[in-house]
């Protein structure tokens, strides 16, 4: 389901009080997780008290579909925190206007578009969320790789997001295909399929289901794993030996925006020191040089040098092949 959230000073800090009329209003489309959206927008709203920020949160795939459906009459001012492999669709890029947000020059070139239409100070990475209590109860070995998940003893014990509805799902599938090659990659995914209890529409659901003991392994997000471990769930965060998939969360300015000054101010805020400080709380992958991972990330087992666990991803290829990969997934593994 889509989620419309209108963040105003009244709704955040003084429910029931009348908000001061805003001089500006912008609409932001995002695929970020709801819990982090609330924290970011609360801070952004304080920094931009005269701007009313309306946020529409959709999953990666549904957000792309909405943007394309609205192409003749775009409704958003800003795209914020959306998978770069989705944003690089030529039809989407055509809707964006180059804008260099303040501070964006600190980002390495690989984390911003050559045409100036997108930049990505943050990203997300995958992980296996393994419920250690259920693992022990079932007498199962700790899975360290995709190959390990072929073990028939894991039948009905694994959840994974569907790449057709979840950016996290595509992240994992893309990583397997790019690291192993198409033939071996599809063979690997098909070998694990008999053990899958379900393919979900949410990227975080597999981890959330695993952490409460409904399943043993949730192929999901590192952030959700770290958060779950911090909250005391019996969970281990495992990065598959073949290399873990990751995605950049890109932002950009819609060319059709009627309020570009406010839209640009919001994009500037997303590169501010305040925003970067918040990213440390919610993100496993921060592309801003010199920013350390949070204590929660270290406690959960995120390596100091995450490049040691990341798969080698070509995002141009990921974007180009996305439609074909999703169609092949439906044919081979769709349920």
Protein backbone atom coordinates (compact mmCIF):
# COMPACT_ATOMS: atom_id res chain seq x y z
CA UNK A 1 0.00 0.00 0.00
CA UNK A 2 1.16 3.54 -0.63
CA UNK A 3 1.80 5.80 2.31
CA UNK A 4 1.14 9.54 2.17
CA UNK A 5 2.72 11.37 5.06
CA UNK A 6 2.35 15.10 5.59
CA UNK A 7 5.01 16.29 7.99
CA UNK A 8 4.35 19.72 9.48
CA UNK A 9 5.47 21.43 12.67
CA UNK A 10 1.97 20.86 14.03
CA UNK A 11 1.88 17.13 13.38
CA UNK A 12 5.39 16.57 14.69
CA UNK A 13 5.52 18.68 17.80
CA UNK A 14 2.14 19.99 18.84
CA UNK A 15 -0.73 17.80 17.79
CA UNK A 16 -3.95 19.75 17.95
CA UNK A 17 -2.36 23.17 17.57
CA UNK A 18 -2.88 25.25 14.45
CA UNK A 19 0.16 25.34 12.21
CA UNK A 20 1.47 28.59 10.84
CA UNK A 21 0.69 28.90 7.15
CA UNK A 22 3.66 27.74 5.09
CA UNK A 23 5.13 30.05 2.50
CA UNK A 24 6.23 27.07 0.39
CA UNK A 25 5.13 23.50 -0.16
CA UNK A 26 6.96 20.65 -1.87
CA UNK A 27 6.11 17.05 -2.64
CA UNK A 28 8.85 14.48 -2.18
CA UNK A 29 8.74 10.94 -3.56
CA UNK A 30 10.92 8.40 -1.74
CA UNK A 31 11.59 4.70 -1.23
CA UNK A 32 13.39 5.15 2.10
CA UNK A 33 12.14 3.17 5.10
CA UNK A 34 9.34 4.85 7.02
CA UNK A 35 11.17 4.97 10.35
CA UNK A 36 14.13 6.84 8.91
CA UNK A 37 11.90 9.15 6.85
CA UNK A 38 10.28 10.41 10.06
CA UNK A 39 13.64 11.23 11.66
CA UNK A 40 15.02 12.96 8.57
CA UNK A 41 11.91 15.02 7.90
CA UNK A 42 11.60 16.12 11.51
CA UNK A 43 15.10 17.58 11.25
CA UNK A 44 14.56 18.99 7.76
CA UNK A 45 11.32 20.65 8.83
CA UNK A 46 13.15 22.43 11.66
CA UNK A 47 15.75 23.63 9.18
CA UNK A 48 13.02 24.73 6.72
CA UNK A 49 10.17 25.98 8.96
CA UNK A 50 8.51 27.96 6.17
CA UNK A 51 8.24 24.96 3.85
CA UNK A 52 5.60 22.26 4.17
CA UNK A 53 7.12 18.94 3.15
CA UNK A 54 4.73 16.30 1.84
CA UNK A 55 6.19 12.82 1.46
CA UNK A 56 4.92 9.92 -0.60
CA UNK A 57 6.68 6.69 0.33
CA UNK A 58 6.47 3.74 -2.06
CA UNK A 59 8.55 0.62 -2.65
CA UNK A 60 11.22 0.97 -5.32
CA UNK A 61 9.24 -0.72 -8.08
CA UNK A 62 5.96 1.01 -7.31
CA UNK A 63 7.65 4.40 -7.17
CA UNK A 64 9.04 3.90 -10.65
CA UNK A 65 5.65 2.85 -11.96
CA UNK A 66 4.04 5.94 -10.45
CA UNK A 67 6.60 8.31 -11.93
CA UNK A 68 6.13 6.81 -15.39
CA UNK A 69 2.35 6.92 -15.04
CA UNK A 70 2.58 10.62 -14.14
CA UNK A 71 5.08 11.46 -16.90
CA UNK A 72 2.57 13.66 -18.69
CA UNK A 73 1.77 15.57 -15.51
CA UNK A 74 4.47 15.04 -12.85
CA UNK A 75 3.36 15.60 -9.26
CA UNK A 76 6.68 15.45 -7.39
CA UNK A 77 9.21 18.23 -6.83
CA UNK A 78 11.98 15.96 -5.59
CA UNK A 79 12.97 12.31 -5.85
CA UNK A 80 14.74 11.41 -2.62
CA UNK A 81 16.57 8.23 -1.62
CA UNK A 82 15.57 6.02 -4.55
CA UNK A 83 17.57 3.13 -6.01
CA UNK A 84 20.01 4.53 -8.55
CA UNK A 85 19.57 1.47 -10.77
CA UNK A 86 15.89 2.50 -11.06
CA UNK A 87 16.61 6.21 -11.43
CA UNK A 88 18.93 5.57 -14.37
CA UNK A 89 15.96 4.56 -16.51
CA UNK A 90 16.20 7.01 -19.47
CA UNK A 91 12.53 7.92 -19.09
CA UNK A 92 13.13 8.90 -15.46
CA UNK A 93 16.35 10.80 -16.17
CA UNK A 94 14.49 12.81 -18.77
CA UNK A 95 12.23 14.13 -15.99
CA UNK A 96 15.16 15.38 -13.89
CA UNK A 97 17.01 18.68 -14.00
CA UNK A 98 20.72 18.94 -13.19
CA UNK A 99 21.34 20.43 -9.77
CA UNK A 100 24.50 20.43 -7.67
CA UNK A 101 23.33 20.39 -4.07
CA UNK A 102 25.53 22.24 -1.60
CA UNK A 103 28.28 19.91 -0.41
CA UNK A 104 27.77 17.32 -3.16
CA UNK A 105 31.28 17.94 -4.47
CA UNK A 106 32.71 15.89 -1.55
CA UNK A 107 31.18 12.73 -3.00
CA UNK A 108 33.41 10.58 -5.19
CA UNK A 109 32.43 10.72 -8.87
CA UNK A 110 30.96 7.20 -8.77
CA UNK A 111 28.30 8.40 -6.34
CA UNK A 112 26.88 11.20 -8.49
CA UNK A 113 25.72 11.41 -12.06
CA UNK A 114 28.03 12.79 -14.72
CA UNK A 115 25.08 14.83 -15.99
CA UNK A 116 24.44 16.31 -12.52
CA UNK A 117 20.95 14.83 -12.35
CA UNK A 118 21.47 12.62 -9.30
CA UNK A 119 23.68 12.18 -6.25
CA UNK A 120 23.79 9.49 -3.59
CA UNK A 121 25.28 10.18 -0.14
CA UNK A 122 23.72 6.98 1.19
CA UNK A 123 22.90 3.46 0.13
CA UNK A 124 21.77 0.17 1.48
CA UNK A 125 23.26 -3.28 1.43
CA UNK A 126 21.87 -6.73 1.76
CA UNK A 127 22.46 -9.36 4.41
CA UNK A 128 21.23 -12.72 5.59
CA UNK A 129 19.30 -12.27 8.85
CA UNK A 130 19.73 -15.55 10.72
CA UNK A 131 17.72 -16.31 13.86
CA UNK A 132 20.34 -18.04 15.99
CA UNK A 133 17.81 -19.51 18.45
CA UNK A 134 15.76 -21.14 15.69
CA UNK A 135 18.94 -22.24 13.94
CA UNK A 136 20.02 -24.09 17.08
CA UNK A 137 16.53 -25.47 17.71
CA UNK A 138 16.36 -26.89 14.18
CA UNK A 139 19.94 -28.16 14.31
CA UNK A 140 20.88 -26.22 11.18
CA UNK A 141 24.38 -25.03 10.21
CA UNK A 142 25.08 -21.30 10.05
CA UNK A 143 24.71 -20.36 6.37
CA UNK A 144 27.68 -18.41 5.06
CA UNK A 145 26.87 -18.38 1.37
CA UNK A 146 24.10 -18.73 -1.19
CA UNK A 147 25.44 -22.24 -1.80
CA UNK A 148 24.77 -23.12 1.83
CA UNK A 149 21.10 -22.19 1.41
CA UNK A 150 20.69 -25.08 -1.04
CA UNK A 151 20.82 -27.48 1.93
CA UNK A 152 17.42 -29.28 1.92
CA UNK A 153 17.33 -28.97 5.71
CA UNK A 154 16.47 -25.29 5.13
CA UNK A 155 13.25 -26.19 3.29
CA UNK A 156 10.52 -23.73 4.31
CA UNK A 157 12.96 -21.81 6.51
CA UNK A 158 13.92 -18.96 4.14
CA UNK A 159 12.20 -15.73 3.12
CA UNK A 160 13.34 -13.35 0.37
CA UNK A 161 11.89 -10.23 -1.29
CA UNK A 162 10.49 -10.49 -4.79
CA UNK A 163 12.67 -8.36 -7.13
CA UNK A 164 9.60 -7.28 -9.09
CA UNK A 165 8.18 -5.36 -6.14
CA UNK A 166 11.21 -4.76 -3.93
CA UNK A 167 14.45 -2.95 -4.64
CA UNK A 168 16.07 -5.12 -1.98
CA UNK A 169 14.99 -8.21 -3.86
CA UNK A 170 16.52 -6.91 -7.07
CA UNK A 171 19.69 -5.96 -5.19
CA UNK A 172 20.21 -9.58 -4.12
CA UNK A 173 19.34 -11.10 -7.49
CA UNK A 174 21.53 -8.61 -9.35
CA UNK A 175 24.48 -9.37 -7.07
CA UNK A 176 24.18 -13.11 -7.65
CA UNK A 177 23.97 -12.65 -11.43
CA UNK A 178 26.82 -10.14 -11.66
CA UNK A 179 29.20 -12.10 -9.42
CA UNK A 180 28.46 -15.56 -10.84
CA UNK A 181 27.43 -14.76 -14.39
CA UNK A 182 23.95 -15.25 -15.79
CA UNK A 183 23.98 -19.01 -16.30
CA UNK A 184 25.53 -19.93 -12.95
CA UNK A 185 23.62 -17.16 -11.18
CA UNK A 186 20.18 -18.31 -12.31
CA UNK A 187 21.17 -21.89 -11.51
CA UNK A 188 22.07 -20.78 -7.99
CA UNK A 189 18.79 -18.95 -7.45
CA UNK A 190 16.83 -21.93 -8.79
CA UNK A 191 18.75 -24.27 -6.47
CA UNK A 192 17.70 -22.24 -3.41
CA UNK A 193 14.09 -21.77 -4.57
CA UNK A 194 12.76 -25.11 -3.20
CA UNK A 195 13.70 -23.95 0.30
CA UNK A 196 11.88 -20.62 0.02
CA UNK A 197 8.80 -20.34 2.19
CA UNK A 198 7.72 -17.12 0.49
CA UNK A 199 8.81 -14.21 -1.67
CA UNK A 200 7.69 -10.96 -0.03
CA UNK A 201 6.88 -7.53 -1.44
CA UNK A 202 8.86 -5.81 1.33
CA UNK A 203 12.63 -5.73 1.61
CA UNK A 204 12.66 -5.56 5.41
CA UNK A 205 9.92 -8.14 6.09
CA UNK A 206 12.15 -11.23 5.69
CA UNK A 207 14.46 -9.95 8.43
CA UNK A 208 11.60 -8.89 10.68
CA UNK A 209 9.97 -12.30 10.30
CA UNK A 210 13.25 -14.09 11.01
CA UNK A 211 14.05 -12.03 14.08
CA UNK A 212 10.82 -13.07 15.82
CA UNK A 213 11.45 -16.73 15.02
CA UNK A 214 8.88 -17.30 12.28
CA UNK A 215 11.66 -18.42 9.93
CA UNK A 216 15.37 -19.13 10.26
CA UNK A 217 16.80 -17.00 7.43
CA UNK A 218 15.54 -13.70 6.07
CA UNK A 219 17.38 -12.51 2.96
CA UNK A 220 17.01 -8.82 3.61
CA UNK A 221 18.73 -5.58 4.60
CA UNK A 222 21.83 -5.00 6.71
CA UNK A 223 20.14 -2.01 8.36
CA UNK A 224 17.20 -4.10 9.57
CA UNK A 225 19.62 -6.74 10.84
CA UNK A 226 21.67 -4.16 12.75
CA UNK A 227 18.57 -2.59 14.23
CA UNK A 228 17.23 -6.00 15.28
CA UNK A 229 20.49 -6.98 16.95
CA UNK A 230 20.59 -3.65 18.80
CA UNK A 231 17.04 -4.27 20.04
CA UNK A 232 18.09 -7.63 21.50
CA UNK A 233 16.69 -10.13 19.02
CA UNK A 234 18.62 -13.44 18.69
CA UNK A 235 19.91 -12.55 15.25
CA UNK A 236 23.17 -12.83 13.35
CA UNK A 237 23.96 -10.61 10.35
CA UNK A 238 25.68 -12.67 7.66
CA UNK A 239 27.20 -11.37 4.44
CA UNK A 240 27.27 -14.12 1.79
CA UNK A 241 30.77 -15.17 0.79
CA UNK A 242 29.99 -14.63 -2.89
CA UNK A 243 29.65 -10.88 -2.18
CA UNK A 244 26.67 -8.96 -0.85
CA UNK A 245 24.54 -6.80 -3.09
CA UNK A 246 24.15 -3.11 -2.46
CA UNK A 247 22.33 -0.17 -3.93
CA UNK A 248 22.87 3.58 -3.93
CA UNK A 249 19.94 5.74 -2.80
CA UNK A 250 19.90 8.66 -5.17
CA UNK A 251 18.15 12.02 -5.09
CA UNK A 252 17.35 14.55 -7.78
CA UNK A 253 15.33 17.61 -8.77
CA UNK A 254 12.23 17.20 -10.93
CA UNK A 255 12.41 19.51 -13.94
CA UNK A 256 8.65 20.13 -13.69
CA UNK A 257 8.76 21.43 -10.11
CA UNK A 258 6.77 24.62 -9.51
CA UNK A 259 8.79 25.40 -6.38
CA UNK A 260 12.39 24.83 -7.30
CA UNK A 261 13.88 27.11 -4.65
CA UNK A 262 12.31 25.08 -1.85
CA UNK A 263 13.07 21.82 -3.64
CA UNK A 264 16.73 22.81 -3.99
CA UNK A 265 16.85 23.86 -0.33
CA UNK A 266 15.59 20.40 0.65
CA UNK A 267 18.21 18.69 -1.52
CA UNK A 268 20.86 20.95 0.06
CA UNK A 269 19.68 19.80 3.49
CA UNK A 270 20.15 16.14 2.52
CA UNK A 271 23.88 16.87 2.17
CA UNK A 272 24.13 18.91 5.38
CA UNK A 273 26.17 17.89 8.43
CA UNK A 274 22.90 17.37 10.30
CA UNK A 275 21.59 14.95 7.68
CA UNK A 276 24.88 13.07 7.51
CA UNK A 277 24.82 12.69 11.29
CA UNK A 278 21.40 11.07 11.02
CA UNK A 279 22.57 8.75 8.25
CA UNK A 280 25.04 7.27 10.72
CA UNK A 281 22.11 6.09 12.82
CA UNK A 282 20.21 4.44 9.98
CA UNK A 283 22.65 3.53 7.23
CA UNK A 284 25.17 0.77 6.76
CA UNK A 285 26.45 2.42 3.58
CA UNK A 286 27.41 6.11 3.64
CA UNK A 287 29.37 7.39 0.65
CA UNK A 288 30.50 10.66 2.27
CA UNK A 289 34.27 10.35 2.88
CA UNK A 290 35.42 10.21 6.50
CA UNK A 291 32.07 9.24 8.02
CA UNK A 292 32.38 6.26 10.37
CA UNK A 293 29.77 3.58 10.92
CA UNK A 294 27.64 3.70 14.06
CA UNK A 295 28.43 1.71 17.20
CA UNK A 296 25.35 -0.41 16.48
CA UNK A 297 26.78 -1.29 13.06
CA UNK A 298 30.12 -2.29 14.56
CA UNK A 299 28.41 -4.33 17.27
CA UNK A 300 26.36 -6.17 14.66
CA UNK A 301 29.52 -7.14 12.79
CA UNK A 302 29.72 -4.61 9.97
CA UNK A 303 33.40 -4.58 8.93
CA UNK A 304 35.32 -1.33 9.16
CA UNK A 305 36.07 -1.67 5.45
CA UNK A 306 32.77 -2.72 3.90
CA UNK A 307 34.39 -3.05 0.47
CA UNK A 308 35.68 -6.42 1.73
CA UNK A 309 32.13 -7.86 1.67
CA UNK A 310 30.49 -5.93 -1.17
CA UNK A 311 29.92 -7.56 -4.54
CA UNK A 312 31.40 -5.79 -7.54
CA UNK A 313 28.33 -4.09 -8.98
CA UNK A 314 28.06 -2.29 -12.31
CA UNK A 315 25.04 0.00 -11.84
CA UNK A 316 24.82 0.86 -15.53
CA UNK A 317 24.41 -2.85 -16.27
CA UNK A 318 22.02 -3.24 -13.34
CA UNK A 319 19.81 -0.49 -14.73
CA UNK A 320 20.03 -1.69 -18.34
CA UNK A 321 19.20 -5.31 -17.50
CA UNK A 322 16.57 -4.67 -14.83
CA UNK A 323 13.46 -5.27 -16.97
CA UNK A 324 14.87 -8.42 -18.54
CA UNK A 325 16.02 -9.81 -15.19
CA UNK A 326 12.62 -9.23 -13.62
CA UNK A 327 10.86 -10.91 -16.53
CA UNK A 328 13.19 -13.89 -16.29
CA UNK A 329 12.56 -14.07 -12.55
CA UNK A 330 8.81 -14.25 -13.17
CA UNK A 331 9.29 -17.05 -15.67
CA UNK A 332 11.66 -19.09 -13.53
CA UNK A 333 10.69 -18.35 -9.94
CA UNK A 334 7.49 -16.29 -9.85
CA UNK A 335 4.77 -17.57 -7.53
